[in-house]
């Protein structure tokens, strides 16, 4: 699997992936008001990494680098549980300082379990536009980044 930096030519497919993944995975929310263009606002000004398998885009992550904040991590539903999210997450670590943060919707149990398996800890909780969330942090072990 290849994880690379976003190219503008990725936008049409990533818009579709972002919309379809949210509709499939966030079933407790009413997605009738979601649009392909939501991807643009959700990733504006962020560093975007794209996962490819055999020249096919299978997922993406976006980071707000000033805060080392993982804003989005989405995988094509047909490619979930095949290491895509892990590869994207591991590609994010070298771009951040000594820790990262993210918000995970409390109802997104699969994502929450995934992050906890990867060493993320719940720091606090809150409520946002899409419902209750956990704020999570993960320390980045710098020594492991240099010896892979």
N, C-alpha and C. Protein backbone atom coordinates (compact mmCIF):
# COMPACT_ATOMS: atom_id res chain seq x y z
N UNK A 1 0.84 -1.17 0.00
CA UNK A 1 0.00 0.00 0.00
C UNK A 1 0.89 1.24 0.00
N UNK A 2 0.49 2.20 -0.79
CA UNK A 2 1.21 3.47 -0.88
C UNK A 2 0.42 4.55 -0.16
N UNK A 3 1.09 5.30 0.72
CA UNK A 3 0.49 6.49 1.32
C UNK A 3 1.29 7.67 0.80
N UNK A 4 0.60 8.61 0.18
CA UNK A 4 1.26 9.74 -0.47
C UNK A 4 0.53 11.03 -0.15
N UNK A 5 1.15 12.13 -0.54
CA UNK A 5 0.55 13.44 -0.38
C UNK A 5 -0.56 13.63 -1.41
N UNK A 6 -1.60 14.31 -1.00
CA UNK A 6 -2.75 14.64 -1.84
C UNK A 6 -2.34 15.40 -3.09
N UNK A 7 -3.03 15.08 -4.18
CA UNK A 7 -2.93 15.84 -5.43
C UNK A 7 -4.32 16.38 -5.77
N UNK A 8 -4.37 17.54 -6.38
CA UNK A 8 -5.66 18.14 -6.72
C UNK A 8 -6.52 17.19 -7.56
N UNK A 9 -5.90 16.37 -8.36
CA UNK A 9 -6.65 15.41 -9.18
C UNK A 9 -7.36 14.35 -8.34
N UNK A 10 -7.02 14.24 -7.04
CA UNK A 10 -7.69 13.30 -6.14
C UNK A 10 -9.05 13.80 -5.68
N UNK A 11 -9.26 15.12 -5.77
CA UNK A 11 -10.45 15.74 -5.17
C UNK A 11 -11.77 15.07 -5.57
N UNK A 12 -12.08 14.85 -6.85
CA UNK A 12 -13.38 14.26 -7.17
C UNK A 12 -13.63 12.92 -6.47
N UNK A 13 -12.62 12.06 -6.48
CA UNK A 13 -12.82 10.75 -5.84
C UNK A 13 -12.91 10.89 -4.32
N UNK A 14 -12.08 11.74 -3.73
CA UNK A 14 -12.12 11.90 -2.27
C UNK A 14 -13.43 12.52 -1.81
N UNK A 15 -14.00 13.40 -2.61
CA UNK A 15 -15.32 13.93 -2.28
C UNK A 15 -16.34 12.80 -2.17
N UNK A 16 -16.30 11.91 -3.15
CA UNK A 16 -17.24 10.78 -3.17
C UNK A 16 -16.98 9.84 -1.99
N UNK A 17 -15.71 9.55 -1.73
CA UNK A 17 -15.36 8.66 -0.62
C UNK A 17 -15.81 9.25 0.72
N UNK A 18 -15.58 10.54 0.90
CA UNK A 18 -15.96 11.22 2.15
C UNK A 18 -17.47 11.15 2.36
N UNK A 19 -18.24 11.44 1.33
CA UNK A 19 -19.69 11.41 1.44
C UNK A 19 -20.21 9.99 1.67
N UNK A 20 -19.76 9.04 0.87
CA UNK A 20 -20.28 7.68 1.00
C UNK A 20 -19.86 7.03 2.31
N UNK A 21 -18.65 7.30 2.78
CA UNK A 21 -18.19 6.72 4.05
C UNK A 21 -19.00 7.25 5.22
N UNK A 22 -19.27 8.55 5.23
CA UNK A 22 -20.07 9.11 6.33
C UNK A 22 -21.47 8.52 6.33
N UNK A 23 -22.07 8.40 5.15
CA UNK A 23 -23.43 7.85 5.08
C UNK A 23 -23.47 6.39 5.54
N UNK A 24 -22.45 5.63 5.19
CA UNK A 24 -22.43 4.22 5.57
C UNK A 24 -22.07 4.00 7.03
N UNK A 25 -21.15 4.81 7.56
CA UNK A 25 -20.63 4.57 8.90
C UNK A 25 -21.31 5.39 9.99
N UNK A 26 -21.86 6.53 9.66
CA UNK A 26 -22.51 7.38 10.67
C UNK A 26 -24.03 7.26 10.53
N UNK A 27 -24.52 6.05 10.66
CA UNK A 27 -25.93 5.76 10.40
C UNK A 27 -26.89 6.42 11.38
N UNK A 28 -26.43 6.84 12.53
CA UNK A 28 -27.28 7.49 13.52
C UNK A 28 -27.55 8.96 13.18
N UNK A 29 -26.87 9.49 12.15
CA UNK A 29 -27.05 10.88 11.73
C UNK A 29 -27.87 10.94 10.45
N UNK A 30 -28.58 12.03 10.26
CA UNK A 30 -29.35 12.26 9.05
C UNK A 30 -28.42 12.88 8.01
N UNK A 31 -28.04 12.11 7.02
CA UNK A 31 -27.10 12.58 6.02
C UNK A 31 -27.72 13.21 4.79
N UNK A 32 -29.01 13.51 4.85
CA UNK A 32 -29.67 14.07 3.67
C UNK A 32 -29.14 15.45 3.27
N UNK A 33 -28.57 16.16 4.21
CA UNK A 33 -28.04 17.49 3.92
C UNK A 33 -26.54 17.47 3.59
N UNK A 34 -25.94 16.31 3.51
CA UNK A 34 -24.52 16.20 3.19
C UNK A 34 -24.34 16.25 1.67
N UNK A 35 -23.23 16.85 1.24
CA UNK A 35 -22.96 17.02 -0.18
C UNK A 35 -21.50 16.68 -0.49
N UNK A 36 -21.24 16.41 -1.74
CA UNK A 36 -19.87 16.12 -2.16
C UNK A 36 -18.90 17.23 -1.77
N UNK A 37 -19.35 18.47 -1.87
CA UNK A 37 -18.49 19.62 -1.58
C UNK A 37 -18.14 19.75 -0.10
N UNK A 38 -18.78 18.99 0.77
CA UNK A 38 -18.44 19.03 2.20
C UNK A 38 -16.98 18.67 2.43
N UNK A 39 -16.44 17.83 1.58
CA UNK A 39 -15.02 17.46 1.68
C UNK A 39 -14.13 18.70 1.64
N UNK A 40 -14.47 19.65 0.77
CA UNK A 40 -13.64 20.84 0.60
C UNK A 40 -13.53 21.63 1.89
N UNK A 41 -14.65 21.86 2.55
CA UNK A 41 -14.64 22.60 3.81
C UNK A 41 -14.00 21.82 4.94
N UNK A 42 -14.20 20.50 4.94
CA UNK A 42 -13.68 19.66 6.02
C UNK A 42 -12.17 19.51 5.97
N UNK A 43 -11.57 19.80 4.84
CA UNK A 43 -10.12 19.62 4.70
C UNK A 43 -9.39 20.91 4.35
N UNK A 44 -10.10 22.02 4.32
CA UNK A 44 -9.50 23.30 3.91
C UNK A 44 -8.30 23.65 4.78
N UNK A 45 -7.18 23.91 4.14
CA UNK A 45 -5.96 24.30 4.85
C UNK A 45 -5.23 23.17 5.54
N UNK A 46 -5.68 21.95 5.34
CA UNK A 46 -5.09 20.81 6.04
C UNK A 46 -4.12 20.04 5.14
N UNK A 47 -3.24 19.31 5.77
CA UNK A 47 -2.34 18.38 5.07
C UNK A 47 -3.14 17.10 4.85
N UNK A 48 -3.25 16.68 3.60
CA UNK A 48 -4.04 15.49 3.27
C UNK A 48 -3.10 14.40 2.78
N UNK A 49 -3.26 13.23 3.35
CA UNK A 49 -2.54 12.04 2.91
C UNK A 49 -3.54 11.08 2.28
N UNK A 50 -3.12 10.42 1.22
CA UNK A 50 -4.00 9.54 0.46
C UNK A 50 -3.40 8.14 0.45
N UNK A 51 -4.23 7.14 0.70
CA UNK A 51 -3.80 5.74 0.62
C UNK A 51 -4.26 5.16 -0.71
N UNK A 52 -3.32 4.48 -1.37
CA UNK A 52 -3.61 3.84 -2.65
C UNK A 52 -3.25 2.36 -2.58
N UNK A 53 -4.03 1.57 -3.24
CA UNK A 53 -3.72 0.16 -3.43
C UNK A 53 -3.93 -0.13 -4.91
N UNK A 54 -2.88 -0.55 -5.58
CA UNK A 54 -2.91 -0.84 -7.02
C UNK A 54 -3.51 0.33 -7.81
N UNK A 55 -3.01 1.54 -7.51
CA UNK A 55 -3.44 2.78 -8.18
C UNK A 55 -4.90 3.14 -7.95
N UNK A 56 -5.51 2.58 -6.93
CA UNK A 56 -6.89 2.89 -6.57
C UNK A 56 -6.89 3.55 -5.19
N UNK A 57 -7.50 4.71 -5.07
CA UNK A 57 -7.57 5.40 -3.78
C UNK A 57 -8.50 4.62 -2.85
N UNK A 58 -8.00 4.30 -1.66
CA UNK A 58 -8.79 3.51 -0.71
C UNK A 58 -9.03 4.23 0.61
N UNK A 59 -8.43 5.40 0.80
CA UNK A 59 -8.66 6.15 2.04
C UNK A 59 -7.86 7.43 2.07
N UNK A 60 -8.16 8.26 3.08
CA UNK A 60 -7.40 9.49 3.26
C UNK A 60 -7.43 9.91 4.72
N UNK A 61 -6.45 10.71 5.07
CA UNK A 61 -6.40 11.36 6.38
C UNK A 61 -6.09 12.82 6.15
N UNK A 62 -6.64 13.68 7.01
CA UNK A 62 -6.27 15.10 6.93
C UNK A 62 -5.90 15.59 8.32
N UNK A 63 -4.86 16.41 8.34
CA UNK A 63 -4.29 16.92 9.59
C UNK A 63 -4.30 18.44 9.59
N UNK A 64 -4.67 19.02 10.73
CA UNK A 64 -4.45 20.44 10.95
C UNK A 64 -3.10 20.51 11.66
N UNK A 65 -2.06 20.78 10.89
CA UNK A 65 -0.69 20.68 11.39
C UNK A 65 -0.36 21.63 12.54
N UNK A 66 -0.87 22.89 12.56
CA UNK A 66 -0.50 23.77 13.68
C UNK A 66 -0.81 23.18 15.06
N UNK A 67 -1.84 22.33 15.13
CA UNK A 67 -2.22 21.71 16.41
C UNK A 67 -1.96 20.21 16.45
N UNK A 68 -1.30 19.66 15.44
CA UNK A 68 -1.10 18.20 15.34
C UNK A 68 -2.42 17.47 15.56
N UNK A 69 -3.46 17.95 14.88
CA UNK A 69 -4.82 17.45 15.08
C UNK A 69 -5.26 16.63 13.87
N UNK A 70 -5.59 15.37 14.12
CA UNK A 70 -6.11 14.49 13.07
C UNK A 70 -7.59 14.83 12.91
N UNK A 71 -7.91 15.51 11.83
CA UNK A 71 -9.28 15.98 11.63
C UNK A 71 -10.15 14.94 10.94
N UNK A 72 -9.60 14.24 9.98
CA UNK A 72 -10.36 13.24 9.23
C UNK A 72 -9.52 12.00 8.99
N UNK A 73 -10.16 10.85 9.10
CA UNK A 73 -9.55 9.58 8.72
C UNK A 73 -10.69 8.72 8.18
N UNK A 74 -10.73 8.57 6.87
CA UNK A 74 -11.81 7.84 6.22
C UNK A 74 -11.24 6.79 5.28
N UNK A 75 -11.85 5.62 5.30
CA UNK A 75 -11.44 4.51 4.45
C UNK A 75 -12.66 4.05 3.67
N UNK A 76 -12.46 3.78 2.40
CA UNK A 76 -13.52 3.22 1.57
C UNK A 76 -14.10 2.01 2.30
N UNK A 77 -15.43 1.96 2.51
CA UNK A 77 -16.01 0.83 3.25
C UNK A 77 -15.60 -0.54 2.73
N UNK A 78 -15.37 -0.67 1.44
CA UNK A 78 -14.94 -1.96 0.87
C UNK A 78 -13.52 -2.33 1.28
N UNK A 79 -12.76 -1.36 1.79
CA UNK A 79 -11.37 -1.59 2.17
C UNK A 79 -11.14 -1.53 3.68
N UNK A 80 -12.20 -1.41 4.44
CA UNK A 80 -12.03 -1.34 5.89
C UNK A 80 -11.56 -2.68 6.44
N UNK A 81 -10.82 -2.61 7.55
CA UNK A 81 -10.26 -3.77 8.24
C UNK A 81 -9.21 -4.51 7.39
N UNK A 82 -8.52 -3.73 6.56
CA UNK A 82 -7.45 -4.30 5.73
C UNK A 82 -6.14 -3.53 5.90
N UNK A 83 -6.02 -2.76 6.97
CA UNK A 83 -4.78 -2.07 7.27
C UNK A 83 -4.65 -0.67 6.70
N UNK A 84 -5.66 -0.20 6.00
CA UNK A 84 -5.59 1.12 5.38
C UNK A 84 -5.52 2.22 6.43
N UNK A 85 -6.43 2.20 7.40
CA UNK A 85 -6.44 3.23 8.44
C UNK A 85 -5.15 3.22 9.24
N UNK A 86 -4.64 2.04 9.53
CA UNK A 86 -3.37 1.94 10.27
C UNK A 86 -2.23 2.56 9.47
N UNK A 87 -2.17 2.27 8.18
CA UNK A 87 -1.12 2.85 7.33
C UNK A 87 -1.22 4.37 7.28
N UNK A 88 -2.43 4.88 7.17
CA UNK A 88 -2.62 6.34 7.15
C UNK A 88 -2.21 6.96 8.48
N UNK A 89 -2.64 6.33 9.57
CA UNK A 89 -2.31 6.85 10.90
C UNK A 89 -0.80 6.88 11.10
N UNK A 90 -0.12 5.82 10.74
CA UNK A 90 1.33 5.76 10.91
C UNK A 90 2.05 6.77 10.03
N UNK A 91 1.47 7.09 8.88
CA UNK A 91 2.07 8.11 8.01
C UNK A 91 1.89 9.51 8.58
N UNK A 92 0.91 9.69 9.43
CA UNK A 92 0.66 11.00 10.06
C UNK A 92 1.67 11.32 11.16
N UNK A 93 2.11 10.32 11.89
CA UNK A 93 2.96 10.56 13.06
C UNK A 93 4.20 11.40 12.77
N UNK A 94 4.96 11.12 11.71
CA UNK A 94 6.17 11.92 11.48
C UNK A 94 5.88 13.40 11.17
N UNK A 95 4.65 13.72 10.83
CA UNK A 95 4.30 15.10 10.49
C UNK A 95 3.98 15.94 11.72
N UNK A 96 3.87 15.28 12.86
CA UNK A 96 3.45 15.95 14.09
C UNK A 96 4.59 15.99 15.10
N UNK A 97 4.37 16.68 16.18
CA UNK A 97 5.39 16.77 17.23
C UNK A 97 5.39 15.54 18.11
N UNK A 98 5.35 15.75 19.41
CA UNK A 98 5.44 14.61 20.33
C UNK A 98 4.08 14.05 20.72
N UNK A 99 2.98 14.70 20.31
CA UNK A 99 1.67 14.10 20.53
C UNK A 99 0.68 14.62 19.50
N UNK A 100 -0.36 13.85 19.30
CA UNK A 100 -1.44 14.20 18.38
C UNK A 100 -2.75 14.21 19.14
N UNK A 101 -3.74 14.87 18.55
CA UNK A 101 -5.08 14.91 19.12
C UNK A 101 -6.10 14.62 18.02
N UNK A 102 -7.28 14.18 18.44
CA UNK A 102 -8.41 13.99 17.54
C UNK A 102 -9.69 14.00 18.35
N UNK A 103 -10.80 14.16 17.65
CA UNK A 103 -12.12 14.01 18.26
C UNK A 103 -12.78 12.82 17.58
N UNK A 104 -13.35 11.93 18.39
CA UNK A 104 -14.06 10.75 17.87
C UNK A 104 -15.47 10.78 18.41
N UNK A 105 -16.45 10.71 17.53
CA UNK A 105 -17.84 10.68 17.97
C UNK A 105 -18.08 9.47 18.86
N UNK A 106 -18.75 9.67 19.98
CA UNK A 106 -18.93 8.58 20.94
C UNK A 106 -19.74 7.43 20.34
N UNK A 107 -20.62 7.72 19.40
CA UNK A 107 -21.42 6.66 18.78
C UNK A 107 -20.64 5.88 17.72
N UNK A 108 -19.49 6.36 17.36
CA UNK A 108 -18.66 5.69 16.35
C UNK A 108 -17.78 4.65 17.06
N UNK A 109 -18.39 3.60 17.54
CA UNK A 109 -17.72 2.59 18.37
C UNK A 109 -16.56 1.90 17.66
N UNK A 110 -16.71 1.62 16.38
CA UNK A 110 -15.62 0.95 15.65
C UNK A 110 -14.39 1.84 15.58
N UNK A 111 -14.61 3.12 15.30
CA UNK A 111 -13.47 4.05 15.25
C UNK A 111 -12.84 4.21 16.63
N UNK A 112 -13.67 4.32 17.64
CA UNK A 112 -13.16 4.47 19.01
C UNK A 112 -12.29 3.27 19.39
N UNK A 113 -12.76 2.08 19.10
CA UNK A 113 -11.98 0.87 19.40
C UNK A 113 -10.67 0.85 18.61
N UNK A 114 -10.73 1.27 17.36
CA UNK A 114 -9.53 1.34 16.52
C UNK A 114 -8.48 2.26 17.15
N UNK A 115 -8.90 3.46 17.50
CA UNK A 115 -7.94 4.42 18.08
C UNK A 115 -7.38 3.90 19.40
N UNK A 116 -8.21 3.31 20.23
CA UNK A 116 -7.72 2.79 21.51
C UNK A 116 -6.72 1.66 21.29
N UNK A 117 -6.94 0.80 20.31
CA UNK A 117 -5.98 -0.26 19.99
C UNK A 117 -4.63 0.33 19.57
N UNK A 118 -4.66 1.53 19.03
CA UNK A 118 -3.44 2.18 18.55
C UNK A 118 -2.86 3.16 19.56
N UNK A 119 -3.26 3.03 20.81
CA UNK A 119 -2.63 3.80 21.88
C UNK A 119 -3.22 5.16 22.18
N UNK A 120 -4.35 5.49 21.58
CA UNK A 120 -4.99 6.77 21.86
C UNK A 120 -5.75 6.68 23.18
N UNK A 121 -5.71 7.76 23.94
CA UNK A 121 -6.37 7.83 25.26
C UNK A 121 -7.43 8.92 25.25
N UNK A 122 -8.55 8.64 25.88
CA UNK A 122 -9.61 9.64 26.03
C UNK A 122 -9.17 10.64 27.09
N UNK A 123 -9.19 11.92 26.73
CA UNK A 123 -8.77 12.99 27.63
C UNK A 123 -9.99 13.71 28.20
N UNK A 124 -11.00 13.94 27.36
CA UNK A 124 -12.21 14.64 27.80
C UNK A 124 -13.32 14.34 26.81
N UNK A 125 -14.48 14.93 27.04
CA UNK A 125 -15.61 14.75 26.13
C UNK A 125 -16.28 16.10 25.92
N UNK A 126 -17.12 16.15 24.91
CA UNK A 126 -17.84 17.37 24.60
C UNK A 126 -18.96 17.10 23.63
N UNK A 127 -19.61 18.16 23.19
CA UNK A 127 -20.70 18.05 22.23
C UNK A 127 -20.40 19.01 21.08
N UNK A 128 -20.57 18.53 19.86
CA UNK A 128 -20.35 19.33 18.66
C UNK A 128 -21.53 19.13 17.70
N UNK A 129 -21.38 19.63 16.50
CA UNK A 129 -22.45 19.59 15.50
C UNK A 129 -23.02 18.19 15.27
N UNK A 130 -22.17 17.17 15.24
CA UNK A 130 -22.63 15.81 14.94
C UNK A 130 -22.88 14.97 16.19
N UNK A 131 -22.84 15.59 17.37
CA UNK A 131 -23.14 14.87 18.59
C UNK A 131 -21.99 14.84 19.58
N UNK A 132 -22.12 13.97 20.55
CA UNK A 132 -21.10 13.85 21.60
C UNK A 132 -19.83 13.24 21.03
N UNK A 133 -18.70 13.70 21.56
CA UNK A 133 -17.42 13.20 21.10
C UNK A 133 -16.47 13.03 22.27
N UNK A 134 -15.43 12.23 22.03
CA UNK A 134 -14.30 12.12 22.95
C UNK A 134 -13.13 12.86 22.32
N UNK A 135 -12.45 13.67 23.13
CA UNK A 135 -11.17 14.24 22.72
C UNK A 135 -10.12 13.22 23.12
N UNK A 136 -9.29 12.83 22.17
CA UNK A 136 -8.29 11.80 22.41
C UNK A 136 -6.90 12.33 22.09
N UNK A 137 -5.91 11.87 22.84
CA UNK A 137 -4.50 12.21 22.60
C UNK A 137 -3.70 10.93 22.45
N UNK A 138 -2.60 11.06 21.73
CA UNK A 138 -1.65 9.95 21.62
C UNK A 138 -0.25 10.53 21.60
N UNK A 139 0.58 10.03 22.50
CA UNK A 139 1.99 10.40 22.49
C UNK A 139 2.65 9.70 21.31
N UNK A 140 3.56 10.40 20.66
CA UNK A 140 4.28 9.84 19.52
C UNK A 140 5.68 9.50 19.98
N UNK A 141 6.03 8.25 19.85
CA UNK A 141 7.34 7.78 20.28
C UNK A 141 8.34 8.09 19.17
N UNK A 142 9.09 9.17 19.36
CA UNK A 142 9.99 9.65 18.32
C UNK A 142 11.05 8.62 17.92
N UNK A 143 11.55 7.86 18.89
CA UNK A 143 12.61 6.91 18.53
C UNK A 143 12.13 5.85 17.54
N UNK A 144 10.86 5.51 17.56
CA UNK A 144 10.35 4.51 16.62
C UNK A 144 10.21 5.07 15.21
N UNK A 145 10.09 6.39 15.09
CA UNK A 145 9.93 6.98 13.77
C UNK A 145 11.19 6.87 12.93
N UNK A 146 12.34 6.85 13.57
CA UNK A 146 13.60 6.88 12.83
C UNK A 146 14.14 5.50 12.47
N UNK A 147 13.59 4.45 13.03
CA UNK A 147 14.18 3.12 12.84
C UNK A 147 13.23 2.13 12.20
N UNK A 148 12.32 2.58 11.39
CA UNK A 148 11.41 1.67 10.71
C UNK A 148 12.04 1.13 9.46
